[in-house]
Amino acid sequence: MSISRQRPPTQPNAQVLALFKQKGRVPLAVRRQAEFFIFFAHTIFPWLEQYRDRLEAAYCPGNGRPAWDPVRLLGVLVMQFVLRTSDRQAAESVQYDQRWRLALHMDSWEAAFHPAVLTVFATGW
């Protein structure tokens, strides 16, 4: 049995993006910290999409579990390197931090991944 995987949307979630652009509701310090994630969502993530064909080998469609998109995993690895976070911190950030979800073009209902997935993904291809 295989669970189908949907590709991430081409644009970041507009509602989440609007949250970080509201001057009255979000403190300036938080908006400044979010600038990197907004840049990532608009510039880096679309660039990573060019590597989708090469990354398809890292996706296993027949294991019966919902798989995480390999382009998103590559995006997590890039952000993890830039922000100097551990696998566990990166996985938790994807789960709980709206900035990471914005950068990875994720909706609020989408599930995150186990930290071990990063290790397997980083060394497996």
N, C-alpha and C. Protein backbone atom coordinates (compact mmCIF):
# COMPACT_ATOMS: atom_id res chain seq x y z
N MET A 1 0.84 -1.18 0.00
CA MET A 1 0.00 0.00 0.00
C MET A 1 0.88 1.23 0.00
N SER A 2 0.49 2.19 -0.78
CA SER A 2 1.25 3.42 -0.87
C SER A 2 0.33 4.60 -0.60
N ILE A 3 0.81 5.52 0.17
CA ILE A 3 0.05 6.74 0.44
C ILE A 3 0.59 7.82 -0.48
N SER A 4 -0.30 8.43 -1.23
CA SER A 4 0.16 9.42 -2.20
C SER A 4 0.70 10.65 -1.50
N ARG A 5 1.62 11.28 -2.17
CA ARG A 5 2.28 12.47 -1.63
C ARG A 5 1.92 13.65 -2.52
N GLN A 6 1.57 14.74 -1.91
CA GLN A 6 1.27 15.94 -2.67
C GLN A 6 2.49 16.83 -2.69
N ARG A 7 2.69 17.49 -3.80
CA ARG A 7 3.79 18.46 -3.88
C ARG A 7 3.42 19.71 -3.09
N PRO A 8 4.43 20.36 -2.53
CA PRO A 8 4.15 21.61 -1.81
C PRO A 8 3.62 22.67 -2.77
N PRO A 9 2.83 23.59 -2.27
CA PRO A 9 2.36 24.67 -3.13
C PRO A 9 3.53 25.52 -3.62
N THR A 10 3.33 26.18 -4.75
CA THR A 10 4.41 27.00 -5.31
C THR A 10 4.64 28.28 -4.54
N GLN A 11 3.66 28.72 -3.78
CA GLN A 11 3.78 29.94 -2.99
C GLN A 11 3.58 29.61 -1.51
N PRO A 12 4.21 30.39 -0.61
CA PRO A 12 3.98 30.16 0.82
C PRO A 12 2.55 30.49 1.20
N ASN A 13 2.12 29.98 2.33
CA ASN A 13 0.78 30.21 2.84
C ASN A 13 0.56 31.71 3.04
N ALA A 14 -0.38 32.26 2.32
CA ALA A 14 -0.62 33.71 2.35
C ALA A 14 -1.09 34.19 3.72
N GLN A 15 -1.86 33.38 4.44
CA GLN A 15 -2.35 33.79 5.76
C GLN A 15 -1.20 33.89 6.76
N VAL A 16 -0.28 32.93 6.72
CA VAL A 16 0.86 32.97 7.63
C VAL A 16 1.78 34.12 7.26
N LEU A 17 1.99 34.32 5.97
CA LEU A 17 2.82 35.43 5.51
C LEU A 17 2.24 36.76 5.96
N ALA A 18 0.93 36.90 5.91
CA ALA A 18 0.29 38.14 6.34
C ALA A 18 0.48 38.38 7.84
N LEU A 19 0.56 37.32 8.64
CA LEU A 19 0.79 37.48 10.08
C LEU A 19 2.08 38.23 10.37
N PHE A 20 3.14 37.89 9.63
CA PHE A 20 4.44 38.49 9.88
C PHE A 20 4.60 39.87 9.27
N LYS A 21 3.65 40.27 8.46
CA LYS A 21 3.73 41.60 7.86
C LYS A 21 2.85 42.62 8.57
N GLN A 22 2.05 42.18 9.55
CA GLN A 22 1.19 43.10 10.28
C GLN A 22 2.01 43.83 11.34
N LYS A 23 2.14 45.10 11.19
CA LYS A 23 2.97 45.88 12.10
C LYS A 23 2.36 46.02 13.49
N GLY A 24 1.07 46.07 13.59
CA GLY A 24 0.44 46.28 14.89
C GLY A 24 0.40 45.04 15.76
N ARG A 25 0.31 43.86 15.16
CA ARG A 25 0.12 42.63 15.92
C ARG A 25 1.42 41.90 16.25
N VAL A 26 2.44 42.11 15.44
CA VAL A 26 3.69 41.37 15.63
C VAL A 26 4.79 42.36 15.99
N PRO A 27 5.50 42.11 17.08
CA PRO A 27 6.58 43.02 17.47
C PRO A 27 7.67 43.11 16.39
N LEU A 28 8.34 44.24 16.36
CA LEU A 28 9.38 44.48 15.36
C LEU A 28 10.48 43.43 15.41
N ALA A 29 10.89 43.02 16.59
CA ALA A 29 11.96 42.02 16.71
C ALA A 29 11.56 40.69 16.07
N VAL A 30 10.31 40.30 16.23
CA VAL A 30 9.83 39.05 15.64
C VAL A 30 9.77 39.20 14.12
N ARG A 31 9.31 40.36 13.63
CA ARG A 31 9.25 40.57 12.18
C ARG A 31 10.65 40.55 11.58
N ARG A 32 11.62 41.11 12.28
CA ARG A 32 12.99 41.08 11.77
C ARG A 32 13.54 39.66 11.71
N GLN A 33 13.24 38.87 12.74
CA GLN A 33 13.68 37.47 12.73
C GLN A 33 12.98 36.69 11.62
N ALA A 34 11.79 37.07 11.28
CA ALA A 34 11.03 36.37 10.25
C ALA A 34 11.50 36.72 8.85
N GLU A 35 12.28 37.76 8.69
CA GLU A 35 12.72 38.17 7.35
C GLU A 35 13.50 37.06 6.65
N PHE A 36 14.33 36.32 7.38
CA PHE A 36 15.08 35.23 6.77
C PHE A 36 14.12 34.17 6.23
N PHE A 37 13.10 33.83 7.00
CA PHE A 37 12.17 32.79 6.61
C PHE A 37 11.31 33.23 5.41
N ILE A 38 10.97 34.51 5.37
CA ILE A 38 10.22 35.04 4.23
C ILE A 38 11.11 35.00 2.98
N PHE A 39 12.37 35.40 3.13
CA PHE A 39 13.32 35.32 2.02
C PHE A 39 13.46 33.87 1.55
N PHE A 40 13.58 32.95 2.48
CA PHE A 40 13.70 31.53 2.14
C PHE A 40 12.48 31.06 1.36
N ALA A 41 11.29 31.45 1.82
CA ALA A 41 10.05 31.01 1.17
C ALA A 41 9.94 31.53 -0.25
N HIS A 42 10.37 32.77 -0.48
CA HIS A 42 10.21 33.38 -1.80
C HIS A 42 11.37 33.09 -2.74
N THR A 43 12.56 32.86 -2.21
CA THR A 43 13.75 32.75 -3.06
C THR A 43 14.38 31.36 -3.04
N ILE A 44 14.69 30.85 -1.88
CA ILE A 44 15.44 29.60 -1.77
C ILE A 44 14.56 28.38 -2.06
N PHE A 45 13.38 28.31 -1.47
CA PHE A 45 12.53 27.14 -1.67
C PHE A 45 12.18 26.92 -3.14
N PRO A 46 11.78 27.96 -3.89
CA PRO A 46 11.54 27.74 -5.32
C PRO A 46 12.80 27.27 -6.06
N TRP A 47 13.95 27.73 -5.63
CA TRP A 47 15.20 27.29 -6.25
C TRP A 47 15.46 25.81 -5.96
N LEU A 48 15.14 25.36 -4.75
CA LEU A 48 15.31 23.96 -4.39
C LEU A 48 14.39 23.05 -5.20
N GLU A 49 13.26 23.57 -5.65
CA GLU A 49 12.33 22.79 -6.48
C GLU A 49 13.00 22.28 -7.76
N GLN A 50 14.03 22.95 -8.21
CA GLN A 50 14.75 22.52 -9.42
C GLN A 50 15.41 21.16 -9.22
N TYR A 51 15.64 20.77 -7.98
CA TYR A 51 16.31 19.51 -7.68
C TYR A 51 15.34 18.37 -7.42
N ARG A 52 14.06 18.59 -7.67
CA ARG A 52 13.04 17.57 -7.40
C ARG A 52 13.35 16.25 -8.12
N ASP A 53 13.73 16.31 -9.39
CA ASP A 53 14.00 15.08 -10.14
C ASP A 53 15.14 14.28 -9.53
N ARG A 54 16.17 14.95 -9.06
CA ARG A 54 17.30 14.26 -8.44
C ARG A 54 16.95 13.69 -7.07
N LEU A 55 16.02 14.34 -6.39
CA LEU A 55 15.65 13.92 -5.04
C LEU A 55 14.60 12.82 -5.01
N GLU A 56 13.97 12.53 -6.13
CA GLU A 56 12.92 11.52 -6.16
C GLU A 56 13.43 10.16 -5.69
N ALA A 57 14.72 9.89 -5.87
CA ALA A 57 15.28 8.61 -5.42
C ALA A 57 15.24 8.50 -3.90
N ALA A 58 15.18 9.63 -3.20
CA ALA A 58 15.14 9.63 -1.74
C ALA A 58 13.73 9.40 -1.20
N TYR A 59 12.75 9.33 -2.09
CA TYR A 59 11.37 9.13 -1.69
C TYR A 59 10.96 7.70 -1.97
N CYS A 60 10.45 7.02 -1.00
CA CYS A 60 10.02 5.63 -1.15
C CYS A 60 8.50 5.59 -1.16
N PRO A 61 7.86 5.40 -2.31
CA PRO A 61 6.40 5.43 -2.35
C PRO A 61 5.73 4.16 -1.85
N GLY A 62 6.46 3.06 -1.69
CA GLY A 62 5.81 1.81 -1.38
C GLY A 62 5.97 1.30 0.04
N ASN A 63 6.28 2.17 0.99
CA ASN A 63 6.46 1.66 2.35
C ASN A 63 5.21 1.77 3.21
N GLY A 64 4.13 2.34 2.67
CA GLY A 64 2.87 2.37 3.40
C GLY A 64 2.73 3.48 4.41
N ARG A 65 3.76 4.27 4.62
CA ARG A 65 3.70 5.38 5.56
C ARG A 65 3.67 6.70 4.80
N PRO A 66 3.05 7.70 5.36
CA PRO A 66 3.11 9.00 4.67
C PRO A 66 4.54 9.52 4.70
N ALA A 67 5.06 9.82 3.56
CA ALA A 67 6.45 10.29 3.46
C ALA A 67 6.48 11.81 3.41
N TRP A 68 7.59 12.33 3.85
CA TRP A 68 7.79 13.77 3.78
C TRP A 68 8.42 14.11 2.44
N ASP A 69 8.02 15.19 1.86
CA ASP A 69 8.51 15.60 0.55
C ASP A 69 10.03 15.82 0.59
N PRO A 70 10.80 15.24 -0.34
CA PRO A 70 12.25 15.37 -0.30
C PRO A 70 12.74 16.80 -0.51
N VAL A 71 12.01 17.61 -1.25
CA VAL A 71 12.42 19.02 -1.42
C VAL A 71 12.28 19.76 -0.09
N ARG A 72 11.22 19.47 0.63
CA ARG A 72 11.06 20.09 1.95
C ARG A 72 12.16 19.63 2.90
N LEU A 73 12.51 18.34 2.85
CA LEU A 73 13.60 17.86 3.71
C LEU A 73 14.91 18.55 3.36
N LEU A 74 15.16 18.76 2.09
CA LEU A 74 16.36 19.49 1.70
C LEU A 74 16.31 20.92 2.23
N GLY A 75 15.13 21.54 2.18
CA GLY A 75 14.97 22.87 2.75
C GLY A 75 15.23 22.90 4.24
N VAL A 76 14.78 21.86 4.94
CA VAL A 76 15.05 21.77 6.38
C VAL A 76 16.55 21.66 6.62
N LEU A 77 17.24 20.85 5.82
CA LEU A 77 18.69 20.71 5.99
C LEU A 77 19.41 22.04 5.77
N VAL A 78 18.98 22.80 4.78
CA VAL A 78 19.60 24.10 4.51
C VAL A 78 19.35 25.05 5.68
N MET A 79 18.11 25.13 6.15
CA MET A 79 17.81 26.02 7.27
C MET A 79 18.50 25.54 8.54
N GLN A 80 18.59 24.25 8.71
CA GLN A 80 19.28 23.69 9.87
C GLN A 80 20.74 24.10 9.87
N PHE A 81 21.37 24.08 8.71
CA PHE A 81 22.76 24.49 8.60
C PHE A 81 22.92 25.99 8.88
N VAL A 82 22.07 26.80 8.29
CA VAL A 82 22.16 28.25 8.45
C VAL A 82 21.89 28.67 9.89
N LEU A 83 20.89 28.06 10.50
CA LEU A 83 20.50 28.44 11.86
C LEU A 83 21.21 27.64 12.95
N ARG A 84 22.02 26.67 12.53
CA ARG A 84 22.82 25.86 13.45
C ARG A 84 21.97 25.17 14.51
N THR A 85 21.02 24.38 14.02
CA THR A 85 20.17 23.64 14.93
C THR A 85 20.44 22.14 14.78
N SER A 86 20.13 21.40 15.81
CA SER A 86 20.27 19.95 15.77
C SER A 86 19.08 19.36 15.02
N ASP A 87 19.15 18.06 14.75
CA ASP A 87 18.04 17.39 14.07
C ASP A 87 16.76 17.51 14.89
N ARG A 88 16.86 17.30 16.17
CA ARG A 88 15.69 17.37 17.04
C ARG A 88 15.12 18.80 17.07
N GLN A 89 15.99 19.80 17.18
CA GLN A 89 15.52 21.19 17.19
C GLN A 89 14.85 21.55 15.86
N ALA A 90 15.42 21.08 14.76
CA ALA A 90 14.83 21.37 13.45
C ALA A 90 13.45 20.71 13.33
N ALA A 91 13.33 19.46 13.75
CA ALA A 91 12.04 18.77 13.69
C ALA A 91 11.00 19.47 14.57
N GLU A 92 11.41 19.89 15.75
CA GLU A 92 10.49 20.61 16.63
C GLU A 92 10.12 21.97 16.05
N SER A 93 11.06 22.63 15.42
CA SER A 93 10.77 23.92 14.80
C SER A 93 9.76 23.77 13.67
N VAL A 94 9.90 22.73 12.88
CA VAL A 94 8.93 22.48 11.81
C VAL A 94 7.55 22.22 12.41
N GLN A 95 7.51 21.53 13.53
CA GLN A 95 6.24 21.20 14.16
C GLN A 95 5.56 22.43 14.77
N TYR A 96 6.34 23.30 15.44
CA TYR A 96 5.74 24.35 16.26
C TYR A 96 5.97 25.79 15.81
N ASP A 97 6.93 26.03 14.95
CA ASP A 97 7.30 27.40 14.59
C ASP A 97 6.69 27.77 13.24
N GLN A 98 5.81 28.75 13.25
CA GLN A 98 5.15 29.17 12.02
C GLN A 98 6.14 29.73 10.99
N ARG A 99 7.27 30.25 11.43
CA ARG A 99 8.26 30.77 10.49
C ARG A 99 8.84 29.64 9.64
N TRP A 100 9.14 28.51 10.27
CA TRP A 100 9.65 27.36 9.52
C TRP A 100 8.59 26.85 8.56
N ARG A 101 7.36 26.80 9.00
CA ARG A 101 6.27 26.33 8.14
C ARG A 101 6.08 27.27 6.95
N LEU A 102 6.22 28.55 7.18
CA LEU A 102 6.13 29.52 6.09
C LEU A 102 7.23 29.27 5.07
N ALA A 103 8.46 29.10 5.55
CA ALA A 103 9.60 28.90 4.66
C ALA A 103 9.46 27.63 3.83
N LEU A 104 8.83 26.61 4.39
CA LEU A 104 8.69 25.31 3.72
C LEU A 104 7.36 25.16 2.98
N HIS A 105 6.61 26.24 2.86
CA HIS A 105 5.32 26.25 2.17
C HIS A 105 4.37 25.21 2.76
N MET A 106 4.29 25.17 4.09
CA MET A 106 3.44 24.20 4.78
C MET A 106 2.16 24.86 5.30
N ASP A 107 1.11 24.08 5.34
CA ASP A 107 -0.12 24.52 5.99
C ASP A 107 -0.08 24.11 7.46
N SER A 108 -0.95 24.71 8.25
CA SER A 108 -0.93 24.45 9.68
C SER A 108 -1.35 23.03 10.03
N TRP A 109 -2.11 22.37 9.19
CA TRP A 109 -2.59 21.01 9.48
C TRP A 109 -1.59 19.92 9.10
N GLU A 110 -0.54 20.25 8.36
CA GLU A 110 0.41 19.24 7.90
C GLU A 110 1.31 18.77 9.04
N ALA A 111 1.55 17.48 9.07
CA ALA A 111 2.36 16.88 10.13
C ALA A 111 3.85 17.09 9.85
N ALA A 112 4.61 17.12 10.93
CA ALA A 112 6.06 17.23 10.83
C ALA A 112 6.64 15.82 10.69
N PHE A 113 7.90 15.66 11.01
CA PHE A 113 8.59 14.39 10.84
C PHE A 113 9.39 14.06 12.09
N HIS A 114 9.82 12.82 12.19
CA HIS A 114 10.68 12.40 13.29
C HIS A 114 12.10 12.88 13.01
N PRO A 115 12.86 13.31 14.03
CA PRO A 115 14.22 13.81 13.79
C PRO A 115 15.14 12.80 13.10
N ALA A 116 14.90 11.52 13.27
CA ALA A 116 15.74 10.51 12.63
C ALA A 116 15.64 10.56 11.10
N VAL A 117 14.54 11.09 10.59
CA VAL A 117 14.37 11.20 9.14
C VAL A 117 15.46 12.08 8.53
N LEU A 118 15.86 13.12 9.24
CA LEU A 118 16.90 14.00 8.72
C LEU A 118 18.23 13.27 8.57
N THR A 119 18.56 12.45 9.54
CA THR A 119 19.81 11.70 9.48
C THR A 119 19.80 10.73 8.31
N VAL A 120 18.72 10.01 8.16
CA VAL A 120 18.60 9.05 7.06
C VAL A 120 18.63 9.78 5.73
N PHE A 121 17.92 10.89 5.63
CA PHE A 121 17.86 11.65 4.37
C PHE A 121 19.23 12.24 4.03
N ALA A 122 19.90 12.80 5.00
CA ALA A 122 21.19 13.46 4.75
C ALA A 122 22.27 12.46 4.35
N THR A 123 22.22 11.26 4.86
CA THR A 123 23.25 10.28 4.55
C THR A 123 22.83 9.30 3.47
N GLY A 124 21.54 9.27 3.14
CA GLY A 124 21.03 8.27 2.21
C GLY A 124 21.14 8.59 0.75
N TRP A 125 21.41 9.78 0.38
CA TRP A 125 21.49 10.09 -1.05
C TRP A 125 22.75 10.78 -1.31
